[in-house]
Amino acid sequence: MRTLCAALLLLLALACPARADWGQFKADAGRSGFVADELKPPLAQAWSYKSAKGLYSSPAIAGGLVVFGGEDRRVTALSLESGKLAWQTEVGERIYGSGPLVRDGKAFVCSVDGCLNALALADGSKLWACCPSSEPAFSSPLYGEGALYFGDDAKAVTAVKAADGSQLWRSPVGGKVHDNAGAFGGGLAFFGCQDGRLYAFRPKDGSLAWSFKAGDLVNTTPCAAGGKVWFGSKDGILYCLEQASGRELWRFATGKGIASSPALDPQGRLVFGSGDRDVYCLQAQSGKELWRFKTGDYVLSSPAIAGSTAYVASFDGVLHALDMASGRELWHFEMPGGVYAAPAISQGRLVLCDRKGSLICFKAP
């Protein structure tokens, strides 16, 4: 356990320096969902924004902006400090599930017309779009070594050059890569699939290293760190695999299907939600349950951890702040609508959006 925790501390320290941007879904390429800075509840509302249509896209925070997509086909950037509109750009179709990735002065996001769109962070101007299929793309982009990786409903994972969107490779899988994102770990890119498998690809050429069969479809984003990869399935089980081989190390059964992706802190604690309405905290090394918390509805949203506090929303629209050590609820807030997207945390702010089109920015009082 000490070896794993030491490895996690190093990996998360490199991925999540203090005061870091939250530039992609679940903060980093390993999808830890963790930032070192404390954000102690109770939180106060700093500002809010209302979209004409629902918001299912988890926001990114980078360069002093909150960037997100909506069902109105628009990518929107707001000032993190004030909520003032910086720019808004319409893409070819609505954005559902795909959380933007922001880096190197660009914002990347997938849309339901099957395209990965690249916009200039400064003004939202369109740079390029890569559309390998007309089938929907709900995947949040993954970045590594100058390339972007995303899945789509045409049953494939695609890699493109971040500079110009030119395709590097496209690898078929056995089902839709729907509503989830990839994760990097141990030199591999991991993607869940609706055929019930987790696939491990070699990023250089898209060749398959291994795949693992779960008991039902996989609509969650994996979390990868310390030589392990964790993911949930509709069969209600959270799996832990060895990154290099795909060998199963342990499994933990919940009472219903899992759509929430696990978050991981440097102490080796995994937090995730389930359709049984519980939020679980497990030892990442062994799968031992540390605590659970009962919410008022099923949990689709993925948790975000700020220091010693986990923030997770249930589908009834309640944002819960939970103590990582005990699972005790420290604070909660009722959003106007049900929550599908995950929170983003950066620079002492937490941003969350809901199905009714509300986006609220919170801060410590």
Protein backbone atom coordinates (compact mmCIF):
# COMPACT_ATOMS: atom_id res chain seq x y z
CA MET A 1 0.00 0.00 0.00
CA ARG A 2 2.89 2.40 0.82
CA THR A 3 4.42 1.78 -2.61
CA LEU A 4 1.14 2.56 -4.37
CA CYS A 5 0.57 5.72 -2.34
CA ALA A 6 4.10 6.95 -3.06
CA ALA A 7 3.55 6.40 -6.77
CA LEU A 8 0.17 8.15 -6.65
CA LEU A 9 1.62 11.11 -4.77
CA LEU A 10 4.28 11.57 -7.44
CA LEU A 11 1.89 11.12 -10.38
CA LEU A 12 -0.78 13.41 -8.99
CA ALA A 13 1.75 16.03 -7.93
CA LEU A 14 3.03 16.16 -11.50
CA ALA A 15 -0.44 16.16 -13.04
CA CYS A 16 -2.11 18.53 -10.57
CA PRO A 17 0.19 21.26 -9.27
CA ALA A 18 -1.30 23.71 -6.80
CA ARG A 19 -3.54 26.36 -8.40
CA ALA A 20 -3.58 24.33 -11.61
CA ASP A 21 -6.10 24.76 -14.39
CA TRP A 22 -8.81 22.11 -14.76
CA GLY A 23 -8.20 21.99 -18.50
CA GLN A 24 -10.11 18.82 -19.37
CA PHE A 25 -12.70 16.33 -18.14
CA LYS A 26 -11.57 15.07 -14.72
CA ALA A 27 -8.58 17.43 -14.59
CA ASP A 28 -5.76 15.41 -16.21
CA ALA A 29 -4.92 12.69 -18.73
CA GLY A 30 -5.10 9.98 -16.06
CA ARG A 31 -8.61 11.29 -15.20
CA SER A 32 -7.86 11.57 -11.48
CA GLY A 33 -10.50 14.26 -10.86
CA PHE A 34 -8.19 15.71 -8.18
CA VAL A 35 -6.64 19.09 -7.35
CA ALA A 36 -4.36 19.69 -4.38
CA ASP A 37 -5.85 23.03 -3.36
CA GLU A 38 -8.40 22.87 -0.58
CA LEU A 39 -11.89 24.22 -1.29
CA LYS A 40 -13.58 24.04 2.07
CA PRO A 41 -17.38 24.20 2.31
CA PRO A 42 -19.75 25.86 2.81
CA LEU A 43 -19.44 27.48 -0.59
CA ALA A 44 -21.10 30.69 -1.74
CA GLN A 45 -22.46 31.41 -5.20
CA ALA A 46 -20.10 33.74 -7.09
CA TRP A 47 -22.15 34.06 -10.30
CA SER A 48 -24.46 32.09 -12.57
CA TYR A 49 -25.19 31.72 -16.28
CA LYS A 50 -28.32 30.44 -18.04
CA SER A 51 -28.27 28.69 -21.40
CA ALA A 52 -31.38 28.39 -23.56
CA LYS A 53 -30.93 24.60 -23.68
CA GLY A 54 -29.56 21.84 -21.47
CA LEU A 55 -25.90 21.54 -20.43
CA TYR A 56 -24.53 18.00 -20.40
CA SER A 57 -20.91 18.98 -21.12
CA SER A 58 -18.55 19.01 -18.13
CA PRO A 59 -16.80 22.40 -18.11
CA ALA A 60 -13.07 23.05 -18.36
CA ILE A 61 -11.27 25.89 -16.59
CA ALA A 62 -8.14 27.33 -18.20
CA GLY A 63 -6.61 30.71 -18.95
CA GLY A 64 -9.07 32.44 -16.62
CA LEU A 65 -12.02 31.09 -18.63
CA VAL A 66 -14.78 28.55 -18.07
CA VAL A 67 -15.32 26.68 -21.35
CA PHE A 68 -18.28 24.36 -22.00
CA GLY A 69 -20.58 23.09 -24.74
CA GLY A 70 -24.35 22.90 -24.90
CA GLU A 71 -27.35 21.47 -26.69
CA ASP A 72 -27.68 24.85 -28.45
CA ARG A 73 -24.65 23.80 -30.59
CA ARG A 74 -22.52 26.49 -28.98
CA VAL A 75 -19.17 26.40 -27.26
CA THR A 76 -19.19 29.15 -24.65
CA ALA A 77 -16.34 30.82 -22.74
CA LEU A 78 -17.03 32.87 -19.62
CA SER A 79 -14.72 34.76 -17.29
CA LEU A 80 -13.99 32.58 -14.26
CA GLU A 81 -13.80 35.68 -12.08
CA SER A 82 -17.00 37.45 -13.14
CA GLY A 83 -19.05 35.13 -15.38
CA LYS A 84 -18.92 37.72 -18.17
CA LEU A 85 -19.23 36.30 -21.68
CA ALA A 86 -15.87 36.17 -23.45
CA TRP A 87 -17.03 34.49 -26.66
CA GLN A 88 -19.51 32.00 -28.07
CA THR A 89 -19.09 29.87 -31.20
CA GLU A 90 -21.61 27.63 -32.93
CA VAL A 91 -20.38 24.28 -34.25
CA GLY A 92 -22.09 21.83 -36.59
CA GLU A 93 -24.28 20.03 -34.06
CA ARG A 94 -25.19 19.96 -30.38
CA ILE A 95 -22.62 19.07 -27.75
CA TYR A 96 -23.76 16.32 -25.43
CA GLY A 97 -21.44 14.71 -22.90
CA SER A 98 -18.17 15.91 -24.45
CA GLY A 99 -16.23 18.08 -22.01
CA PRO A 100 -13.80 20.50 -23.70
CA LEU A 101 -10.05 20.03 -23.51
CA VAL A 102 -8.09 23.28 -23.34
CA ARG A 103 -4.35 23.53 -23.98
CA ASP A 104 -1.82 25.46 -26.05
CA GLY A 105 -4.26 28.30 -26.68
CA LYS A 106 -6.93 26.03 -28.17
CA ALA A 107 -10.20 24.45 -27.05
CA PHE A 108 -11.17 21.02 -28.41
CA VAL A 109 -14.63 19.46 -28.12
CA CYS A 110 -16.68 16.76 -29.88
CA SER A 111 -20.16 17.32 -31.31
CA VAL A 112 -23.05 15.03 -32.23
CA ASP A 113 -22.29 15.29 -35.97
CA GLY A 114 -19.23 13.12 -35.30
CA CYS A 115 -16.69 15.95 -35.43
CA LEU A 116 -13.84 16.97 -33.18
CA ASN A 117 -13.77 20.77 -33.26
CA ALA A 118 -10.75 23.02 -32.58
CA LEU A 119 -11.32 26.65 -31.57
CA ALA A 120 -8.94 29.47 -30.64
CA LEU A 121 -9.13 30.08 -26.89
CA ALA A 122 -8.58 33.82 -27.34
CA ASP A 123 -11.72 34.54 -29.38
CA GLY A 124 -13.47 31.25 -30.20
CA SER A 125 -12.62 31.39 -33.90
CA LYS A 126 -12.79 28.05 -35.70
CA LEU A 127 -9.41 26.50 -36.50
CA TRP A 128 -10.34 23.07 -37.87
CA ALA A 129 -12.78 20.18 -37.55
CA CYS A 130 -12.02 16.48 -37.99
CA CYS A 131 -15.09 14.41 -38.87
CA PRO A 132 -14.11 10.74 -39.36
CA SER A 133 -17.76 9.64 -39.19
CA SER A 134 -21.27 11.06 -39.35
CA GLU A 135 -22.19 9.02 -36.27
CA PRO A 136 -22.37 10.99 -33.00
CA ALA A 137 -19.25 11.72 -30.97
CA PHE A 138 -19.94 12.18 -27.25
CA SER A 139 -16.37 11.55 -26.09
CA SER A 140 -14.32 14.11 -24.16
CA PRO A 141 -11.00 14.48 -26.02
CA LEU A 142 -7.80 13.02 -24.57
CA TYR A 143 -4.39 14.59 -25.28
CA GLY A 144 -0.93 13.04 -25.38
CA GLU A 145 2.31 13.51 -27.32
CA GLY A 146 0.90 16.07 -29.72
CA ALA A 147 -2.22 14.06 -30.56
CA LEU A 148 -5.88 14.01 -29.60
CA TYR A 149 -7.87 10.80 -29.06
CA PHE A 150 -11.64 10.35 -29.04
CA GLY A 151 -14.29 7.69 -29.57
CA ASP A 152 -17.63 7.75 -31.40
CA ASP A 153 -20.82 5.80 -32.07
CA ALA A 154 -19.36 4.44 -35.32
CA LYS A 155 -17.53 1.89 -33.13
CA ALA A 156 -14.04 3.32 -33.40
CA VAL A 157 -11.36 5.31 -31.60
CA THR A 158 -9.56 8.00 -33.60
CA ALA A 159 -6.25 9.81 -33.13
CA VAL A 160 -5.55 13.14 -34.85
CA LYS A 161 -2.76 15.70 -34.81
CA ALA A 162 -3.59 18.48 -32.36
CA ALA A 163 -1.93 21.02 -34.65
CA ASP A 164 -4.18 20.61 -37.69
CA GLY A 165 -6.68 17.77 -37.08
CA SER A 166 -5.16 15.42 -39.64
CA GLN A 167 -5.95 11.80 -38.88
CA LEU A 168 -3.16 9.59 -37.53
CA TRP A 169 -5.07 6.36 -37.07
CA ARG A 170 -8.57 4.97 -36.52
CA SER A 171 -9.03 1.66 -34.69
CA PRO A 172 -12.28 -0.32 -34.67
CA VAL A 173 -13.89 -1.64 -31.49
CA GLY A 174 -16.84 -3.95 -30.90
CA GLY A 175 -19.42 -1.33 -29.91
CA LYS A 176 -20.15 2.37 -29.47
CA VAL A 177 -17.65 4.44 -27.52
CA HIS A 178 -20.50 6.42 -26.05
CA ASP A 179 -20.56 9.14 -23.43
CA ASN A 180 -17.11 8.46 -22.06
CA ALA A 181 -13.50 9.49 -22.54
CA GLY A 182 -10.12 7.84 -22.69
CA ALA A 183 -7.40 7.88 -20.05
CA PHE A 184 -3.62 7.59 -20.28
CA GLY A 185 -1.45 5.37 -18.09
CA GLY A 186 1.66 3.27 -18.49
CA GLY A 187 2.12 4.28 -22.12
CA LEU A 188 -1.38 3.11 -23.10
CA ALA A 189 -4.69 4.82 -23.90
CA PHE A 190 -7.73 3.19 -22.25
CA PHE A 191 -11.27 3.45 -23.64
CA GLY A 192 -14.51 1.87 -22.41
CA CYS A 193 -17.03 0.56 -24.92
CA GLN A 194 -20.67 -0.49 -25.10
CA ASP A 195 -19.63 -4.02 -26.07
CA GLY A 196 -18.70 -4.36 -22.39
CA ARG A 197 -14.96 -4.15 -22.93
CA LEU A 198 -12.17 -1.87 -21.78
CA TYR A 199 -9.65 -1.46 -24.61
CA ALA A 200 -5.97 -0.59 -24.19
CA PHE A 201 -4.40 0.99 -27.30
CA ARG A 202 -0.80 1.87 -28.10
CA PRO A 203 -1.01 5.62 -28.81
CA LYS A 204 1.67 5.63 -31.49
CA ASP A 205 -0.19 3.46 -34.04
CA GLY A 206 -3.56 2.51 -32.51
CA SER A 207 -2.65 -1.16 -32.21
CA LEU A 208 -4.46 -3.09 -29.50
CA ALA A 209 -2.41 -4.07 -26.45
CA TRP A 210 -5.27 -5.92 -24.74
CA SER A 211 -8.99 -5.79 -23.96
CA PHE A 212 -10.93 -6.87 -20.88
CA LYS A 213 -14.56 -8.06 -20.85
CA ALA A 214 -16.81 -6.74 -18.09
CA GLY A 215 -20.27 -8.09 -17.35
CA ASP A 216 -22.17 -5.35 -19.24
CA LEU A 217 -21.61 -2.18 -21.27
CA VAL A 218 -18.97 0.31 -20.16
CA ASN A 219 -20.21 3.91 -20.31
CA THR A 220 -17.67 5.31 -17.86
CA THR A 221 -14.31 6.97 -18.21
CA PRO A 222 -11.46 4.97 -16.66
CA CYS A 223 -9.03 6.37 -14.10
CA ALA A 224 -5.39 5.35 -14.51
CA ALA A 225 -2.46 5.76 -12.09
CA GLY A 226 0.26 3.78 -10.35
CA GLY A 227 0.20 0.87 -12.79
CA LYS A 228 -3.52 0.30 -12.37
CA VAL A 229 -6.72 1.28 -14.18
CA TRP A 230 -10.16 1.47 -12.57
CA PHE A 231 -13.54 1.65 -14.31
CA GLY A 232 -17.21 0.91 -13.69
CA SER A 233 -19.78 -0.99 -15.76
CA LYS A 234 -23.54 -1.23 -16.11
CA ASP A 235 -23.22 -4.57 -14.31
CA GLY A 236 -22.75 -2.51 -11.12
CA ILE A 237 -19.13 -3.54 -10.63
CA LEU A 238 -16.06 -1.34 -10.28
CA TYR A 239 -13.05 -3.17 -11.74
CA CYS A 240 -9.34 -2.74 -11.04
CA LEU A 241 -6.93 -4.02 -13.70
CA GLU A 242 -3.19 -4.08 -14.18
CA GLN A 243 -2.35 -1.47 -16.81
CA ALA A 244 0.35 -3.46 -18.59
CA SER A 245 -1.58 -6.72 -19.05
CA GLY A 246 -5.28 -6.10 -18.38
CA ARG A 247 -5.19 -8.71 -15.63
CA GLU A 248 -7.99 -8.28 -13.09
CA LEU A 249 -6.71 -7.38 -9.63
CA TRP A 250 -10.00 -6.92 -7.80
CA ARG A 251 -13.66 -6.05 -8.27
CA PHE A 252 -16.24 -4.34 -6.07
CA ALA A 253 -20.00 -4.82 -6.51
CA THR A 254 -22.53 -2.03 -5.96
CA GLY A 255 -26.31 -2.35 -6.01
CA LYS A 256 -26.90 -1.05 -9.55
CA GLY A 257 -25.20 0.05 -12.78
CA ILE A 258 -22.26 2.46 -12.63
CA ALA A 259 -22.15 5.50 -14.94
CA SER A 260 -20.01 7.68 -12.64
CA SER A 261 -16.26 7.66 -13.28
CA PRO A 262 -13.98 7.24 -10.25
CA ALA A 263 -11.84 10.04 -8.84
CA LEU A 264 -8.57 9.32 -7.05
CA ASP A 265 -6.63 11.21 -4.37
CA PRO A 266 -2.92 10.87 -3.43
CA GLN A 267 -3.84 8.80 -0.35
CA GLY A 268 -5.05 6.03 -2.67
CA ARG A 269 -8.79 6.58 -2.14
CA LEU A 270 -11.25 6.09 -5.02
CA VAL A 271 -14.59 7.91 -4.99
CA PHE A 272 -17.46 7.20 -7.40
CA GLY A 273 -21.25 7.03 -7.55
CA SER A 274 -23.68 4.31 -8.55
CA GLY A 275 -27.23 3.88 -9.78
CA ASP A 276 -28.10 2.57 -6.31
CA ARG A 277 -27.87 6.23 -5.13
CA ASP A 278 -24.72 5.65 -3.07
CA VAL A 279 -21.37 7.39 -3.30
CA TYR A 280 -18.58 4.93 -2.47
CA CYS A 281 -15.02 5.39 -1.27
CA LEU A 282 -12.65 2.43 -1.70
CA GLN A 283 -9.00 1.71 -1.14
CA ALA A 284 -7.51 1.87 -4.63
CA GLN A 285 -4.99 -0.85 -3.82
CA SER A 286 -7.35 -3.50 -2.46
CA GLY A 287 -10.93 -2.46 -3.23
CA LYS A 288 -11.78 -2.40 0.47
CA GLU A 289 -14.76 -0.17 1.24
CA LEU A 290 -13.88 2.81 3.43
CA TRP A 291 -17.27 4.50 3.50
CA ARG A 292 -20.45 5.13 1.54
CA PHE A 293 -22.92 8.01 1.45
CA LYS A 294 -26.58 7.76 0.42
CA THR A 295 -27.86 10.49 -1.93
CA GLY A 296 -31.43 11.21 -2.99
CA ASP A 297 -31.10 9.86 -6.55
CA TYR A 298 -28.82 7.84 -8.80
CA VAL A 299 -25.36 9.29 -9.42
CA LEU A 300 -24.29 9.79 -13.04
CA SER A 301 -21.93 12.71 -12.38
CA SER A 302 -18.27 11.98 -11.70
CA PRO A 303 -16.79 13.31 -8.44
CA ALA A 304 -14.18 16.05 -8.18
CA ILE A 305 -11.79 16.09 -5.22
CA ALA A 306 -10.28 19.31 -3.84
CA GLY A 307 -7.72 18.42 -1.18
CA SER A 308 -9.67 16.68 1.57
CA THR A 309 -13.18 17.26 0.18
CA ALA A 310 -15.04 15.33 -2.51
CA TYR A 311 -17.75 17.12 -4.48
CA VAL A 312 -20.31 14.95 -6.26
CA ALA A 313 -23.79 15.65 -7.65
CA SER A 314 -26.75 13.28 -7.79
CA PHE A 315 -29.33 13.26 -10.56
CA ASP A 316 -31.87 15.10 -8.39
CA GLY A 317 -29.62 18.15 -8.75
CA VAL A 318 -28.03 18.12 -5.29
CA LEU A 319 -24.32 18.89 -5.09
CA HIS A 320 -22.81 17.18 -2.04
CA ALA A 321 -19.54 18.06 -0.29
CA LEU A 322 -18.19 14.99 1.49
CA ASP A 323 -15.27 14.62 3.86
CA MET A 324 -12.74 12.28 2.22
CA ALA A 325 -11.72 10.73 5.53
CA SER A 326 -15.18 9.80 6.81
CA GLY A 327 -17.76 10.34 4.05
CA ARG A 328 -19.64 12.78 6.28
CA GLU A 329 -21.65 15.40 4.40
CA LEU A 330 -20.22 18.85 5.07
CA TRP A 331 -22.55 20.90 2.87
CA HIS A 332 -24.98 20.57 -0.01
CA PHE A 333 -26.61 22.79 -2.63
CA GLU A 334 -29.68 22.19 -4.82
CA MET A 335 -29.10 23.01 -8.49
CA PRO A 336 -32.14 24.14 -10.53
CA GLY A 337 -32.07 20.91 -12.59
CA GLY A 338 -30.75 17.37 -12.60
CA VAL A 339 -27.00 16.97 -12.95
CA TYR A 340 -25.27 14.82 -15.53
CA ALA A 341 -21.95 16.68 -15.93
CA ALA A 342 -19.02 16.63 -13.51
CA PRO A 343 -17.79 19.61 -11.46
CA ALA A 344 -14.61 21.47 -12.40
CA ILE A 345 -12.40 23.03 -9.70
CA SER A 346 -9.66 25.62 -10.14
CA GLN A 347 -8.33 28.79 -8.48
CA GLY A 348 -10.65 28.51 -5.50
CA ARG A 349 -13.76 28.13 -7.66
CA LEU A 350 -16.08 25.20 -8.42
CA VAL A 351 -18.22 25.23 -11.56
CA LEU A 352 -21.18 22.91 -12.21
CA CYS A 353 -23.94 22.85 -14.84
CA ASP A 354 -27.29 21.07 -15.09
CA ARG A 355 -29.85 19.70 -17.56
CA LYS A 356 -31.97 22.88 -17.42
CA GLY A 357 -29.11 24.98 -18.79
CA SER A 358 -27.89 26.52 -15.52
CA LEU A 359 -24.18 26.92 -14.83
CA ILE A 360 -23.21 28.09 -11.37
CA CYS A 361 -19.77 29.15 -10.14
CA PHE A 362 -19.13 28.71 -6.40
CA LYS A 363 -16.36 30.04 -4.18
CA ALA A 364 -15.33 29.72 -0.56
CA PRO A 365 -16.88 32.57 1.43
